[in-house]
Amino acid sequence: GDLTLREIEVVDLMYQGLKNTEIADRLSISPRTVEAHVSNIISKLGAQSRTEAVRIAVQKNLIK
């Protein structure tokens, strides 16, 4: 599954080690919205966890 531009932004911030609340602050969205994006990212990438989703995103060159 292709990630949206916003999901790519979120996974990039996850890669940088930010927590959901920090991502929410950075993107001016609610933590609940970040949770939804993270859930979608994990599902679309077929990952089992945040960490695995970030690894897959790096492997697919979605983030640098």
C-alpha atoms as a PDB file:
ATOM      1  CA  GLY A   1       0.000   0.000   0.000  1.00  0.00           C
ATOM      2  CA  ASP A   2       1.170   3.452  -0.878  1.00  0.00           C
ATOM      3  CA  LEU A   3       1.516   5.919   1.962  1.00  0.00           C
ATOM      4  CA  THR A   4      -0.023   9.374   1.734  1.00  0.00           C
ATOM      5  CA  LEU A   5       2.244  12.412   1.972  1.00  0.00           C
ATOM      6  CA  ARG A   6       1.053  12.945   5.556  1.00  0.00           C
ATOM      7  CA  GLU A   7       1.800   9.320   6.457  1.00  0.00           C
ATOM      8  CA  ILE A   8       5.296   9.741   5.016  1.00  0.00           C
ATOM      9  CA  GLU A   9       5.736  12.840   7.198  1.00  0.00           C
ATOM     10  CA  VAL A  10       4.583  10.858  10.234  1.00  0.00           C
ATOM     11  CA  VAL A  11       6.818   7.850   9.562  1.00  0.00           C
ATOM     12  CA  ASP A  12       9.775  10.199   9.015  1.00  0.00           C
ATOM     13  CA  LEU A  13       9.160  11.763  12.433  1.00  0.00           C
ATOM     14  CA  MET A  14       8.837   8.253  13.915  1.00  0.00           C
ATOM     15  CA  TYR A  15      12.234   7.503  12.339  1.00  0.00           C
ATOM     16  CA  GLN A  16      13.605  10.585  14.110  1.00  0.00           C
ATOM     17  CA  GLY A  17      12.454   9.044  17.402  1.00  0.00           C
ATOM     18  CA  LEU A  18       9.523  11.323  18.148  1.00  0.00           C
ATOM     19  CA  LYS A  19       6.607  10.076  20.225  1.00  0.00           C
ATOM     20  CA  ASN A  20       3.002  10.502  19.093  1.00  0.00           C
ATOM     21  CA  THR A  21       2.478  13.621  21.201  1.00  0.00           C
ATOM     22  CA  GLU A  22       5.670  15.174  19.807  1.00  0.00           C
ATOM     23  CA  ILE A  23       4.604  14.314  16.247  1.00  0.00           C
ATOM     24  CA  ALA A  24       1.198  15.876  16.935  1.00  0.00           C
ATOM     25  CA  ASP A  25       2.839  19.088  18.164  1.00  0.00           C
ATOM     26  CA  ARG A  26       5.223  19.207  15.201  1.00  0.00           C
ATOM     27  CA  LEU A  27       2.433  18.728  12.637  1.00  0.00           C
ATOM     28  CA  SER A  28      -0.236  20.747  14.521  1.00  0.00           C
ATOM     29  CA  ILE A  29      -2.638  17.807  14.647  1.00  0.00           C
ATOM     30  CA  SER A  30      -4.177  15.890  17.547  1.00  0.00           C
ATOM     31  CA  PRO A  31      -2.421  12.910  19.137  1.00  0.00           C
ATOM     32  CA  ARG A  32      -5.496  10.840  18.197  1.00  0.00           C
ATOM     33  CA  THR A  33      -4.946  11.726  14.527  1.00  0.00           C
ATOM     34  CA  VAL A  34      -1.298  10.679  14.838  1.00  0.00           C
ATOM     35  CA  GLU A  35      -2.428   7.351  16.310  1.00  0.00           C
ATOM     36  CA  ALA A  36      -4.681   6.832  13.285  1.00  0.00           C
ATOM     37  CA  HIS A  37      -1.828   7.641  10.896  1.00  0.00           C
ATOM     38  CA  VAL A  38       0.530   5.269  12.737  1.00  0.00           C
ATOM     39  CA  SER A  39      -2.070   2.501  12.609  1.00  0.00           C
ATOM     40  CA  ASN A  40      -2.575   3.073   8.868  1.00  0.00           C
ATOM     41  CA  ILE A  41       1.192   3.097   8.260  1.00  0.00           C
ATOM     42  CA  ILE A  42       1.684  -0.184  10.127  1.00  0.00           C
ATOM     43  CA  SER A  43      -1.203  -1.771   8.224  1.00  0.00           C
ATOM     44  CA  LYS A  44      -0.192  -0.488   4.779  1.00  0.00           C
ATOM     45  CA  LEU A  45       3.419  -1.619   5.220  1.00  0.00           C
ATOM     46  CA  GLY A  46       2.411  -5.006   6.651  1.00  0.00           C
ATOM     47  CA  ALA A  47       4.397  -4.326   9.800  1.00  0.00           C
ATOM     48  CA  GLN A  48       3.854  -5.691  13.295  1.00  0.00           C
ATOM     49  CA  SER A  49       5.121  -2.626  15.168  1.00  0.00           C
ATOM     50  CA  ARG A  50       6.199   1.011  14.850  1.00  0.00           C
ATOM     51  CA  THR A  51       9.824  -0.069  14.716  1.00  0.00           C
ATOM     52  CA  GLU A  52       9.198  -2.550  11.925  1.00  0.00           C
ATOM     53  CA  ALA A  53       7.156   0.045  10.012  1.00  0.00           C
ATOM     54  CA  VAL A  54      10.078   2.486  10.169  1.00  0.00           C
ATOM     55  CA  ARG A  55      12.504  -0.237   9.025  1.00  0.00           C
ATOM     56  CA  ILE A  56      10.285  -1.119   6.065  1.00  0.00           C
ATOM     57  CA  ALA A  57       9.856   2.563   5.164  1.00  0.00           C
ATOM     58  CA  VAL A  58      13.654   2.973   5.117  1.00  0.00           C
ATOM     59  CA  GLN A  59      14.086  -0.181   3.011  1.00  0.00           C
ATOM     60  CA  LYS A  60      11.502   1.110   0.513  1.00  0.00           C
ATOM     61  CA  ASN A  61      13.262   4.501   0.410  1.00  0.00           C
ATOM     62  CA  LEU A  62      10.110   6.250   1.591  1.00  0.00           C
ATOM     63  CA  ILE A  63      12.247   8.180   4.086  1.00  0.00           C
ATOM     64  CA  LYS A  64      15.928   8.993   4.246  1.00  0.00           C
END
